[in-house]
């Protein structure tokens, strides 16, 4: 299930990159559906949220690139 935390994090990350809110929301919906697919047993939305929390705990040279990589892995 897509949480409010993931939704807020997605919009904070992508707003500067994709100003069109409708397109951002559509991409988030597409990603959430992929992570929620029945054949996904490990790479789920919970896994995504766990990774994003870990990423936020470390200093990064380019946090935007790393966070995008996590979302699209």
C-alpha atoms as a PDB file:
ATOM      1  CA  UNK A   1       0.000   0.000   0.000  1.00  0.00           C
ATOM      2  CA  UNK A   2       1.278   3.426  -0.926  1.00  0.00           C
ATOM      3  CA  UNK A   3       1.765   5.389   2.292  1.00  0.00           C
ATOM      4  CA  UNK A   4       1.450   9.109   2.874  1.00  0.00           C
ATOM      5  CA  UNK A   5       5.168   9.128   3.666  1.00  0.00           C
ATOM      6  CA  UNK A   6       6.099   7.599   0.311  1.00  0.00           C
ATOM      7  CA  UNK A   7       3.728   9.931  -1.523  1.00  0.00           C
ATOM      8  CA  UNK A   8       5.162  13.018   0.174  1.00  0.00           C
ATOM      9  CA  UNK A   9       8.704  11.848  -0.401  1.00  0.00           C
ATOM     10  CA  UNK A  10       8.009  11.211  -4.102  1.00  0.00           C
ATOM     11  CA  UNK A  11       6.528  14.662  -4.629  1.00  0.00           C
ATOM     12  CA  UNK A  12       9.342  16.394  -2.713  1.00  0.00           C
ATOM     13  CA  UNK A  13      11.912  14.542  -4.819  1.00  0.00           C
ATOM     14  CA  UNK A  14      10.283  14.957  -8.217  1.00  0.00           C
ATOM     15  CA  UNK A  15       8.631  18.404  -8.053  1.00  0.00           C
ATOM     16  CA  UNK A  16      11.818  20.228  -9.131  1.00  0.00           C
ATOM     17  CA  UNK A  17      12.401  17.672 -11.893  1.00  0.00           C
ATOM     18  CA  UNK A  18       8.839  17.365 -13.173  1.00  0.00           C
ATOM     19  CA  UNK A  19       6.763  20.488 -12.460  1.00  0.00           C
ATOM     20  CA  UNK A  20       3.539  18.998 -13.880  1.00  0.00           C
ATOM     21  CA  UNK A  21       1.779  17.601 -10.779  1.00  0.00           C
ATOM     22  CA  UNK A  22      -0.531  15.380 -12.833  1.00  0.00           C
ATOM     23  CA  UNK A  23       2.437  13.706 -14.533  1.00  0.00           C
ATOM     24  CA  UNK A  24       4.179  13.230 -11.177  1.00  0.00           C
ATOM     25  CA  UNK A  25       1.052  11.627  -9.757  1.00  0.00           C
ATOM     26  CA  UNK A  26       0.640   9.385 -12.819  1.00  0.00           C
ATOM     27  CA  UNK A  27       4.230   8.183 -12.538  1.00  0.00           C
ATOM     28  CA  UNK A  28       3.802   7.527  -8.819  1.00  0.00           C
ATOM     29  CA  UNK A  29       0.663   5.506  -9.544  1.00  0.00           C
ATOM     30  CA  UNK A  30       2.541   3.486 -12.173  1.00  0.00           C
ATOM     31  CA  UNK A  31       5.454   2.814  -9.817  1.00  0.00           C
ATOM     32  CA  UNK A  32       3.168   1.877  -6.922  1.00  0.00           C
ATOM     33  CA  UNK A  33       1.288  -0.579  -9.138  1.00  0.00           C
ATOM     34  CA  UNK A  34       4.571  -2.191 -10.189  1.00  0.00           C
ATOM     35  CA  UNK A  35       5.756  -2.522  -6.590  1.00  0.00           C
ATOM     36  CA  UNK A  36       2.333  -3.918  -5.580  1.00  0.00           C
ATOM     37  CA  UNK A  37       2.250  -6.534  -8.361  1.00  0.00           C
ATOM     38  CA  UNK A  38       1.350  -9.999  -7.050  1.00  0.00           C
ATOM     39  CA  UNK A  39       4.590 -11.520  -8.331  1.00  0.00           C
ATOM     40  CA  UNK A  40       6.610  -9.091  -6.201  1.00  0.00           C
ATOM     41  CA  UNK A  41       7.647 -10.846  -3.031  1.00  0.00           C
ATOM     42  CA  UNK A  42      10.671  -8.817  -1.967  1.00  0.00           C
ATOM     43  CA  UNK A  43      10.741  -5.612  -4.018  1.00  0.00           C
ATOM     44  CA  UNK A  44       7.547  -4.215  -2.534  1.00  0.00           C
ATOM     45  CA  UNK A  45       6.483  -0.769  -1.374  1.00  0.00           C
ATOM     46  CA  UNK A  46       7.575  -1.736   2.144  1.00  0.00           C
ATOM     47  CA  UNK A  47      11.017  -2.639   0.782  1.00  0.00           C
ATOM     48  CA  UNK A  48      11.113   0.698  -1.050  1.00  0.00           C
ATOM     49  CA  UNK A  49      10.222   2.608   2.108  1.00  0.00           C
ATOM     50  CA  UNK A  50      12.873   0.702   4.091  1.00  0.00           C
ATOM     51  CA  UNK A  51      15.548   1.530   1.507  1.00  0.00           C
ATOM     52  CA  UNK A  52      14.579   5.191   1.377  1.00  0.00           C
ATOM     53  CA  UNK A  53      14.802   5.399   5.165  1.00  0.00           C
ATOM     54  CA  UNK A  54      18.285   3.878   5.041  1.00  0.00           C
ATOM     55  CA  UNK A  55      19.391   6.252   2.289  1.00  0.00           C
ATOM     56  CA  UNK A  56      18.275   9.206   4.384  1.00  0.00           C
ATOM     57  CA  UNK A  57      20.476   8.068   7.253  1.00  0.00           C
ATOM     58  CA  UNK A  58      23.726   8.487   5.307  1.00  0.00           C
ATOM     59  CA  UNK A  59      25.518  11.537   3.911  1.00  0.00           C
ATOM     60  CA  UNK A  60      25.479  11.347   0.120  1.00  0.00           C
ATOM     61  CA  UNK A  61      27.287  13.284  -2.556  1.00  0.00           C
ATOM     62  CA  UNK A  62      24.173  13.367  -4.762  1.00  0.00           C
ATOM     63  CA  UNK A  63      21.098  12.351  -2.745  1.00  0.00           C
ATOM     64  CA  UNK A  64      18.641  13.103  -5.571  1.00  0.00           C
ATOM     65  CA  UNK A  65      20.342  10.647  -7.918  1.00  0.00           C
ATOM     66  CA  UNK A  66      20.561   7.978  -5.221  1.00  0.00           C
ATOM     67  CA  UNK A  67      16.922   8.397  -4.216  1.00  0.00           C
ATOM     68  CA  UNK A  68      15.781   8.217  -7.846  1.00  0.00           C
ATOM     69  CA  UNK A  69      17.828   5.031  -8.242  1.00  0.00           C
ATOM     70  CA  UNK A  70      16.062   3.542  -5.232  1.00  0.00           C
ATOM     71  CA  UNK A  71      12.623   4.420  -6.598  1.00  0.00           C
ATOM     72  CA  UNK A  72      13.344   2.926 -10.012  1.00  0.00           C
ATOM     73  CA  UNK A  73      15.319  -0.163  -8.987  1.00  0.00           C
END
